[in-house]
Structure formats: C-alpha cells, structure tokens
Amino acid sequence: METKAINKLLDQIRDDRTVPRNIRASVEEAKAHLNDEKKDIAVRINSAISLLDEISNDSNIPLYTRTQIWNIVSMLEVMNERHKEKV
C-alpha cells in the first residue's frame, strides 16, 4: 500500500511540466528502483532515497517540488524502519 502512495506522488512530480526535465527523469529512475522486484526491499528503498536526496539538492528544483520530495523521502524512511523491525 505504501509503495502505491509513493508511486502516485512520484508520478505527480514526473508529470509536472514546471519541473525541469532532468529532475523528472531522476524521479522516474527513483521510481524504477523502488519498484524493481528483483532486489530486496531495503535496497530498493535506500536506492530511491539516495536518488531523491540528490535531486532535492539541485538548485533548479522548484521549492514546492523540493518539499514534495522531502515528504516522499520521509515516507520511504518510515517504510525502511518498519522493514528493519520485521527482520
């Protein structure tokens, strides 16, 4: 369920034409990492977090998009903590 919500938020950023193309491409890459069923969930989450963290430091990113990305990173960190508790 959580990944569906995160995917929806990532899609909103990807589809926002006011966001620079390179940032949208990186968001799409982060989504691909998150949904890669071949990898362990912890690896998928950490890969997505790493990419999104890098994007959030881009000087060309609109402020509202940076806030959206920080929100998504927070959600991913909560998912990661829940996964650690299960293991």
PDB file of N, CA and C in Angstrom:
ATOM      1  N   MET A   1       0.827  -1.205   0.000  1.00  0.00           N
ATOM      2  CA  MET A   1       0.000   0.000   0.000  1.00  0.00           C
ATOM      3  C   MET A   1       0.861   1.256   0.000  1.00  0.00           C
ATOM      4  N   GLU A   2       1.896   1.277   0.837  1.00  0.00           N
ATOM      5  CA  GLU A   2       2.729   2.477   0.924  1.00  0.00           C
ATOM      6  C   GLU A   2       3.429   2.775  -0.394  1.00  0.00           C
ATOM      7  N   THR A   3       3.902   1.726  -1.075  1.00  0.00           N
ATOM      8  CA  THR A   3       4.588   1.974  -2.340  1.00  0.00           C
ATOM      9  C   THR A   3       3.630   2.539  -3.386  1.00  0.00           C
ATOM     10  N   LYS A   4       2.362   2.144  -3.325  1.00  0.00           N
ATOM     11  CA  LYS A   4       1.389   2.703  -4.268  1.00  0.00           C
ATOM     12  C   LYS A   4       1.232   4.207  -4.050  1.00  0.00           C
ATOM     13  N   ALA A   5       1.153   4.617  -2.796  1.00  0.00           N
ATOM     14  CA  ALA A   5       1.017   6.043  -2.486  1.00  0.00           C
ATOM     15  C   ALA A   5       2.261   6.808  -2.914  1.00  0.00           C
ATOM     16  N   ILE A   6       3.423   6.237  -2.666  1.00  0.00           N
ATOM     17  CA  ILE A   6       4.674   6.887  -3.049  1.00  0.00           C
ATOM     18  C   ILE A   6       4.783   6.964  -4.566  1.00  0.00           C
ATOM     19  N   ASN A   7       4.412   5.891  -5.249  1.00  0.00           N
ATOM     20  CA  ASN A   7       4.428   5.907  -6.716  1.00  0.00           C
ATOM     21  C   ASN A   7       3.519   6.997  -7.270  1.00  0.00           C
ATOM     22  N   LYS A   8       2.372   7.171  -6.650  1.00  0.00           N
ATOM     23  CA  LYS A   8       1.430   8.206  -7.095  1.00  0.00           C
ATOM     24  C   LYS A   8       2.047   9.603  -6.932  1.00  0.00           C
ATOM     25  N   LEU A   9       2.718   9.829  -5.805  1.00  0.00           N
ATOM     26  CA  LEU A   9       3.367  11.116  -5.570  1.00  0.00           C
ATOM     27  C   LEU A   9       4.522  11.336  -6.559  1.00  0.00           C
ATOM     28  N   LEU A  10       5.281  10.285  -6.818  1.00  0.00           N
ATOM     29  CA  LEU A  10       6.374  10.390  -7.796  1.00  0.00           C
ATOM     30  C   LEU A  10       5.824  10.683  -9.191  1.00  0.00           C
ATOM     31  N   ASP A  11       4.701  10.066  -9.531  1.00  0.00           N
ATOM     32  CA  ASP A  11       4.061  10.323 -10.828  1.00  0.00           C
ATOM     33  C   ASP A  11       3.612  11.773 -10.946  1.00  0.00           C
ATOM     34  N   GLN A  12       3.122  12.339  -9.852  1.00  0.00           N
ATOM     35  CA  GLN A  12       2.704  13.744  -9.878  1.00  0.00           C
ATOM     36  C   GLN A  12       3.884  14.652 -10.207  1.00  0.00           C
ATOM     37  N   ILE A  13       5.034  14.373  -9.623  1.00  0.00           N
ATOM     38  CA  ILE A  13       6.228  15.175  -9.911  1.00  0.00           C
ATOM     39  C   ILE A  13       6.665  14.948 -11.350  1.00  0.00           C
ATOM     40  N   ARG A  14       6.685  13.684 -11.765  1.00  0.00           N
ATOM     41  CA  ARG A  14       7.104  13.348 -13.132  1.00  0.00           C
ATOM     42  C   ARG A  14       6.231  14.024 -14.178  1.00  0.00           C
ATOM     43  N   ASP A  15       4.945  14.154 -13.901  1.00  0.00           N
ATOM     44  CA  ASP A  15       4.003  14.724 -14.865  1.00  0.00           C
ATOM     45  C   ASP A  15       3.898  16.246 -14.794  1.00  0.00           C
ATOM     46  N   ASP A  16       4.576  16.853 -13.835  1.00  0.00           N
ATOM     47  CA  ASP A  16       4.528  18.307 -13.663  1.00  0.00           C
ATOM     48  C   ASP A  16       5.507  18.966 -14.637  1.00  0.00           C
ATOM     49  N   ARG A  17       4.982  19.652 -15.621  1.00  0.00           N
ATOM     50  CA  ARG A  17       5.820  20.257 -16.673  1.00  0.00           C
ATOM     51  C   ARG A  17       6.588  21.490 -16.191  1.00  0.00           C
ATOM     52  N   THR A  18       6.316  21.970 -14.974  1.00  0.00           N
ATOM     53  CA  THR A  18       7.092  23.097 -14.446  1.00  0.00           C
ATOM     54  C   THR A  18       8.395  22.620 -13.800  1.00  0.00           C
ATOM     55  N   VAL A  19       8.509  21.297 -13.614  1.00  0.00           N
ATOM     56  CA  VAL A  19       9.714  20.703 -13.036  1.00  0.00           C
ATOM     57  C   VAL A  19      10.703  20.447 -14.174  1.00  0.00           C
ATOM     58  N   PRO A  20      11.968  20.837 -14.001  1.00  0.00           N
ATOM     59  CA  PRO A  20      12.967  20.605 -15.055  1.00  0.00           C
ATOM     60  C   PRO A  20      13.047  19.126 -15.466  1.00  0.00           C
ATOM     61  N   ARG A  21      13.348  18.925 -16.726  1.00  0.00           N
ATOM     62  CA  ARG A  21      13.369  17.586 -17.322  1.00  0.00           C
ATOM     63  C   ARG A  21      14.323  16.629 -16.609  1.00  0.00           C
ATOM     64  N   ASN A  22      15.515  17.122 -16.236  1.00  0.00           N
ATOM     65  CA  ASN A  22      16.487  16.237 -15.584  1.00  0.00           C
ATOM     66  C   ASN A  22      15.976  15.748 -14.221  1.00  0.00           C
ATOM     67  N   ILE A  23      15.233  16.587 -13.539  1.00  0.00           N
ATOM     68  CA  ILE A  23      14.679  16.202 -12.242  1.00  0.00           C
ATOM     69  C   ILE A  23      13.560  15.184 -12.440  1.00  0.00           C
ATOM     70  N   ARG A  24      12.727  15.407 -13.441  1.00  0.00           N
ATOM     71  CA  ARG A  24      11.660  14.439 -13.733  1.00  0.00           C
ATOM     72  C   ARG A  24      12.247  13.088 -14.108  1.00  0.00           C
ATOM     73  N   ALA A  25      13.341  13.095 -14.874  1.00  0.00           N
ATOM     74  CA  ALA A  25      13.996  11.839 -15.263  1.00  0.00           C
ATOM     75  C   ALA A  25      14.559  11.127 -14.033  1.00  0.00           C
ATOM     76  N   SER A  26      15.133  11.873 -13.109  1.00  0.00           N
ATOM     77  CA  SER A  26      15.672  11.274 -11.887  1.00  0.00           C
ATOM     78  C   SER A  26      14.561  10.716 -10.999  1.00  0.00           C
ATOM     79  N   VAL A  27      13.428  11.407 -10.970  1.00  0.00           N
ATOM     80  CA  VAL A  27      12.274  10.916 -10.208  1.00  0.00           C
ATOM     81  C   VAL A  27      11.796   9.595 -10.811  1.00  0.00           C
ATOM     82  N   GLU A  28      11.766   9.527 -12.128  1.00  0.00           N
ATOM     83  CA  GLU A  28      11.361   8.285 -12.804  1.00  0.00           C
ATOM     84  C   GLU A  28      12.353   7.161 -12.483  1.00  0.00           C
ATOM     85  N   GLU A  29      13.633   7.486 -12.429  1.00  0.00           N
ATOM     86  CA  GLU A  29      14.654   6.497 -12.083  1.00  0.00           C
ATOM     87  C   GLU A  29      14.477   6.011 -10.637  1.00  0.00           C
ATOM     88  N   ALA A  30      14.184   6.925  -9.732  1.00  0.00           N
ATOM     89  CA  ALA A  30      13.951   6.553  -8.334  1.00  0.00           C
ATOM     90  C   ALA A  30      12.744   5.622  -8.236  1.00  0.00           C
ATOM     91  N   LYS A  31      11.714   5.919  -9.007  1.00  0.00           N
ATOM     92  CA  LYS A  31      10.518   5.070  -9.025  1.00  0.00           C
ATOM     93  C   LYS A  31      10.866   3.678  -9.546  1.00  0.00           C
ATOM     94  N   ALA A  32      11.696   3.620 -10.575  1.00  0.00           N
ATOM     95  CA  ALA A  32      12.106   2.326 -11.127  1.00  0.00           C
ATOM     96  C   ALA A  32      12.871   1.510 -10.085  1.00  0.00           C
ATOM     97  N   HIS A  33      13.749   2.173  -9.341  1.00  0.00           N
ATOM     98  CA  HIS A  33      14.486   1.482  -8.280  1.00  0.00           C
ATOM     99  C   HIS A  33      13.521   0.942  -7.227  1.00  0.00           C
ATOM    100  N   LEU A  34      12.571   1.752  -6.841  1.00  0.00           N
ATOM    101  CA  LEU A  34      11.615   1.369  -5.803  1.00  0.00           C
ATOM    102  C   LEU A  34      10.764   0.168  -6.218  1.00  0.00           C
ATOM    103  N   ASN A  35      10.463   0.067  -7.495  1.00  0.00           N
ATOM    104  CA  ASN A  35       9.573  -0.983  -7.987  1.00  0.00           C
ATOM    105  C   ASN A  35      10.299  -2.189  -8.575  1.00  0.00           C
ATOM    106  N   ASP A  36      11.611  -2.227  -8.453  1.00  0.00           N
ATOM    107  CA  ASP A  36      12.406  -3.332  -9.001  1.00  0.00           C
ATOM    108  C   ASP A  36      12.250  -4.566  -8.110  1.00  0.00           C
ATOM    109  N   GLU A  37      11.388  -5.463  -8.507  1.00  0.00           N
ATOM    110  CA  GLU A  37      11.056  -6.650  -7.704  1.00  0.00           C
ATOM    111  C   GLU A  37      12.229  -7.620  -7.556  1.00  0.00           C
ATOM    112  N   LYS A  38      13.260  -7.471  -8.375  1.00  0.00           N
ATOM    113  CA  LYS A  38      14.401  -8.387  -8.321  1.00  0.00           C
ATOM    114  C   LYS A  38      15.291  -8.126  -7.108  1.00  0.00           C
ATOM    115  N   LYS A  39      15.202  -6.933  -6.550  1.00  0.00           N
ATOM    116  CA  LYS A  39      16.053  -6.545  -5.430  1.00  0.00           C
ATOM    117  C   LYS A  39      15.293  -6.633  -4.116  1.00  0.00           C
ATOM    118  N   ASP A  40      16.047  -6.735  -3.029  1.00  0.00           N
ATOM    119  CA  ASP A  40      15.478  -6.720  -1.687  1.00  0.00           C
ATOM    120  C   ASP A  40      14.826  -5.364  -1.430  1.00  0.00           C
ATOM    121  N   ILE A  41      13.767  -5.343  -0.648  1.00  0.00           N
ATOM    122  CA  ILE A  41      13.031  -4.101  -0.383  1.00  0.00           C
ATOM    123  C   ILE A  41      13.915  -3.029   0.252  1.00  0.00           C
ATOM    124  N   ALA A  42      14.824  -3.429   1.132  1.00  0.00           N
ATOM    125  CA  ALA A  42      15.705  -2.448   1.781  1.00  0.00           C
ATOM    126  C   ALA A  42      16.621  -1.774   0.759  1.00  0.00           C
ATOM    127  N   VAL A  43      17.129  -2.548  -0.178  1.00  0.00           N
ATOM    128  CA  VAL A  43      17.992  -1.995  -1.236  1.00  0.00           C
ATOM    129  C   VAL A  43      17.191  -1.054  -2.119  1.00  0.00           C
ATOM    130  N   ARG A  44      15.972  -1.460  -2.451  1.00  0.00           N
ATOM    131  CA  ARG A  44      15.112  -0.633  -3.302  1.00  0.00           C
ATOM    132  C   ARG A  44      14.802   0.699  -2.632  1.00  0.00           C
ATOM    133  N   ILE A  45      14.447   0.644  -1.357  1.00  0.00           N
ATOM    134  CA  ILE A  45      14.115   1.865  -0.618  1.00  0.00           C
ATOM    135  C   ILE A  45      15.329   2.775  -0.517  1.00  0.00           C
ATOM    136  N   ASN A  46      16.476   2.212  -0.152  1.00  0.00           N
ATOM    137  CA  ASN A  46      17.678   3.031   0.017  1.00  0.00           C
ATOM    138  C   ASN A  46      18.166   3.633  -1.301  1.00  0.00           C
ATOM    139  N   SER A  47      18.013   2.900  -2.394  1.00  0.00           N
ATOM    140  CA  SER A  47      18.375   3.441  -3.706  1.00  0.00           C
ATOM    141  C   SER A  47      17.491   4.635  -4.058  1.00  0.00           C
ATOM    142  N   ALA A  48      16.198   4.486  -3.814  1.00  0.00           N
ATOM    143  CA  ALA A  48      15.254   5.579  -4.102  1.00  0.00           C
ATOM    144  C   ALA A  48      15.550   6.787  -3.221  1.00  0.00           C
ATOM    145  N   ILE A  49      15.801   6.550  -1.938  1.00  0.00           N
ATOM    146  CA  ILE A  49      16.121   7.650  -1.022  1.00  0.00           C
ATOM    147  C   ILE A  49      17.357   8.384  -1.489  1.00  0.00           C
ATOM    148  N   SER A  50      18.377   7.642  -1.861  1.00  0.00           N
ATOM    149  CA  SER A  50      19.631   8.249  -2.309  1.00  0.00           C
ATOM    150  C   SER A  50      19.416   9.153  -3.524  1.00  0.00           C
ATOM    151  N   LEU A  51      18.689   8.655  -4.504  1.00  0.00           N
ATOM    152  CA  LEU A  51      18.412   9.456  -5.703  1.00  0.00           C
ATOM    153  C   LEU A  51      17.586  10.699  -5.376  1.00  0.00           C
ATOM    154  N   LEU A  52      16.555  10.519  -4.574  1.00  0.00           N
ATOM    155  CA  LEU A  52      15.689  11.647  -4.233  1.00  0.00           C
ATOM    156  C   LEU A  52      16.424  12.687  -3.398  1.00  0.00           C
ATOM    157  N   ASP A  53      17.302  12.229  -2.533  1.00  0.00           N
ATOM    158  CA  ASP A  53      18.098  13.163  -1.729  1.00  0.00           C
ATOM    159  C   ASP A  53      18.997  14.000  -2.627  1.00  0.00           C
ATOM    160  N   GLU A  54      19.581  13.351  -3.618  1.00  0.00           N
ATOM    161  CA  GLU A  54      20.431  14.051  -4.578  1.00  0.00           C
ATOM    162  C   GLU A  54      19.629  15.097  -5.357  1.00  0.00           C
ATOM    163  N   ILE A  55      18.427  14.719  -5.777  1.00  0.00           N
ATOM    164  CA  ILE A  55      17.550  15.630  -6.525  1.00  0.00           C
ATOM    165  C   ILE A  55      17.191  16.850  -5.669  1.00  0.00           C
ATOM    166  N   SER A  56      16.906  16.612  -4.398  1.00  0.00           N
ATOM    167  CA  SER A  56      16.449  17.704  -3.534  1.00  0.00           C
ATOM    168  C   SER A  56      17.510  18.787  -3.345  1.00  0.00           C
ATOM    169  N   ASN A  57      18.758  18.452  -3.636  1.00  0.00           N
ATOM    170  CA  ASN A  57      19.840  19.433  -3.516  1.00  0.00           C
ATOM    171  C   ASN A  57      20.099  20.199  -4.808  1.00  0.00           C
ATOM    172  N   ASP A  58      19.367  19.885  -5.857  1.00  0.00           N
ATOM    173  CA  ASP A  58      19.511  20.571  -7.143  1.00  0.00           C
ATOM    174  C   ASP A  58      19.003  22.005  -7.016  1.00  0.00           C
ATOM    175  N   SER A  59      19.792  22.944  -7.468  1.00  0.00           N
ATOM    176  CA  SER A  59      19.418  24.359  -7.335  1.00  0.00           C
ATOM    177  C   SER A  59      18.274  24.756  -8.269  1.00  0.00           C
ATOM    178  N   ASN A  60      18.001  23.976  -9.293  1.00  0.00           N
ATOM    179  CA  ASN A  60      16.941  24.305 -10.255  1.00  0.00           C
ATOM    180  C   ASN A  60      15.571  23.779  -9.869  1.00  0.00           C
ATOM    181  N   ILE A  61      15.495  23.067  -8.778  1.00  0.00           N
ATOM    182  CA  ILE A  61      14.223  22.448  -8.398  1.00  0.00           C
ATOM    183  C   ILE A  61      13.285  23.493  -7.791  1.00  0.00           C
ATOM    184  N   PRO A  62      12.026  23.499  -8.211  1.00  0.00           N
ATOM    185  CA  PRO A  62      11.059  24.421  -7.596  1.00  0.00           C
ATOM    186  C   PRO A  62      10.880  24.088  -6.109  1.00  0.00           C
ATOM    187  N   LEU A  63      10.642  25.102  -5.317  1.00  0.00           N
ATOM    188  CA  LEU A  63      10.537  24.929  -3.866  1.00  0.00           C
ATOM    189  C   LEU A  63       9.452  23.927  -3.475  1.00  0.00           C
ATOM    190  N   TYR A  64       8.287  24.009  -4.103  1.00  0.00           N
ATOM    191  CA  TYR A  64       7.196  23.094  -3.757  1.00  0.00           C
ATOM    192  C   TYR A  64       7.554  21.652  -4.117  1.00  0.00           C
ATOM    193  N   THR A  65       8.332  21.469  -5.187  1.00  0.00           N
ATOM    194  CA  THR A  65       8.748  20.119  -5.584  1.00  0.00           C
ATOM    195  C   THR A  65       9.757  19.576  -4.583  1.00  0.00           C
ATOM    196  N   ARG A  66      10.645  20.440  -4.107  1.00  0.00           N
ATOM    197  CA  ARG A  66      11.609  20.022  -3.088  1.00  0.00           C
ATOM    198  C   ARG A  66      10.867  19.542  -1.831  1.00  0.00           C
ATOM    199  N   THR A  67       9.826  20.271  -1.465  1.00  0.00           N
ATOM    200  CA  THR A  67       9.025  19.879  -0.305  1.00  0.00           C
ATOM    201  C   THR A  67       8.350  18.531  -0.545  1.00  0.00           C
ATOM    202  N   GLN A  68       7.822  18.322  -1.749  1.00  0.00           N
ATOM    203  CA  GLN A  68       7.199  17.035  -2.088  1.00  0.00           C
ATOM    204  C   GLN A  68       8.224  15.902  -1.970  1.00  0.00           C
ATOM    205  N   ILE A  69       9.420  16.147  -2.458  1.00  0.00           N
ATOM    206  CA  ILE A  69      10.463  15.123  -2.418  1.00  0.00           C
ATOM    207  C   ILE A  69      10.860  14.819  -0.977  1.00  0.00           C
ATOM    208  N   TRP A  70      10.984  15.842  -0.151  1.00  0.00           N
ATOM    209  CA  TRP A  70      11.308  15.612   1.262  1.00  0.00           C
ATOM    210  C   TRP A  70      10.216  14.767   1.922  1.00  0.00           C
ATOM    211  N   ASN A  71       8.975  15.031   1.559  1.00  0.00           N
ATOM    212  CA  ASN A  71       7.845  14.251   2.070  1.00  0.00           C
ATOM    213  C   ASN A  71       7.972  12.778   1.677  1.00  0.00           C
ATOM    214  N   ILE A  72       8.289  12.551   0.414  1.00  0.00           N
ATOM    215  CA  ILE A  72       8.438  11.186  -0.094  1.00  0.00           C
ATOM    216  C   ILE A  72       9.602  10.484   0.599  1.00  0.00           C
ATOM    217  N   VAL A  73      10.717  11.192   0.777  1.00  0.00           N
ATOM    218  CA  VAL A  73      11.873  10.613   1.464  1.00  0.00           C
ATOM    219  C   VAL A  73      11.495  10.226   2.889  1.00  0.00           C
ATOM    220  N   SER A  74      10.733  11.065   3.552  1.00  0.00           N
ATOM    221  CA  SER A  74      10.280  10.743   4.913  1.00  0.00           C
ATOM    222  C   SER A  74       9.425   9.482   4.920  1.00  0.00           C
ATOM    223  N   MET A  75       8.530   9.358   3.949  1.00  0.00           N
ATOM    224  CA  MET A  75       7.696   8.169   3.848  1.00  0.00           C
ATOM    225  C   MET A  75       8.549   6.918   3.611  1.00  0.00           C
ATOM    226  N   LEU A  76       9.555   7.051   2.766  1.00  0.00           N
ATOM    227  CA  LEU A  76      10.440   5.924   2.481  1.00  0.00           C
ATOM    228  C   LEU A  76      11.255   5.533   3.717  1.00  0.00           C
ATOM    229  N   GLU A  77      11.681   6.525   4.479  1.00  0.00           N
ATOM    230  CA  GLU A  77      12.434   6.234   5.700  1.00  0.00           C
ATOM    231  C   GLU A  77      11.569   5.491   6.714  1.00  0.00           C
ATOM    232  N   VAL A  78      10.303   5.858   6.814  1.00  0.00           N
ATOM    233  CA  VAL A  78       9.378   5.143   7.701  1.00  0.00           C
ATOM    234  C   VAL A  78       9.209   3.707   7.211  1.00  0.00           C
ATOM    235  N   MET A  79       9.049   3.527   5.905  1.00  0.00           N
ATOM    236  CA  MET A  79       8.944   2.182   5.335  1.00  0.00           C
ATOM    237  C   MET A  79      10.181   1.356   5.662  1.00  0.00           C
ATOM    238  N   ASN A  80      11.341   1.981   5.542  1.00  0.00           N
ATOM    239  CA  ASN A  80      12.603   1.300   5.807  1.00  0.00           C
ATOM    240  C   ASN A  80      12.693   0.866   7.273  1.00  0.00           C
ATOM    241  N   GLU A  81      12.268   1.736   8.170  1.00  0.00           N
ATOM    242  CA  GLU A  81      12.285   1.405   9.604  1.00  0.00           C
ATOM    243  C   GLU A  81      11.340   0.241   9.909  1.00  0.00           C
ATOM    244  N   ARG A  82      10.173   0.259   9.308  1.00  0.00           N
ATOM    245  CA  ARG A  82       9.206  -0.834   9.502  1.00  0.00           C
ATOM    246  C   ARG A  82       9.774  -2.150   8.993  1.00  0.00           C
ATOM    247  N   HIS A  83      10.475  -2.078   7.857  1.00  0.00           N
ATOM    248  CA  HIS A  83      11.080  -3.289   7.301  1.00  0.00           C
ATOM    249  C   HIS A  83      12.163  -3.824   8.243  1.00  0.00           C
ATOM    250  N   LYS A  84      12.954  -2.935   8.819  1.00  0.00           N
ATOM    251  CA  LYS A  84      14.018  -3.353   9.747  1.00  0.00           C
ATOM    252  C   LYS A  84      13.433  -4.030  10.975  1.00  0.00           C
ATOM    253  N   GLU A  85      12.291  -3.539  11.439  1.00  0.00           N
ATOM    254  CA  GLU A  85      11.649  -4.119  12.622  1.00  0.00           C
ATOM    255  C   GLU A  85      11.154  -5.536  12.339  1.00  0.00           C
ATOM    256  N   LYS A  86      10.732  -5.790  11.116  1.00  0.00           N
ATOM    257  CA  LYS A  86      10.229  -7.106  10.750  1.00  0.00           C
ATOM    258  C   LYS A  86      11.344  -8.138  10.647  1.00  0.00           C
ATOM    259  N   VAL A  87      12.530  -7.675  10.286  1.00  0.00           N
ATOM    260  CA  VAL A  87      13.656  -8.597  10.054  1.00  0.00           C
ATOM    261  C   VAL A  87      14.307  -9.028  11.307  1.00  0.00           C
TER     262      VAL A  87
END
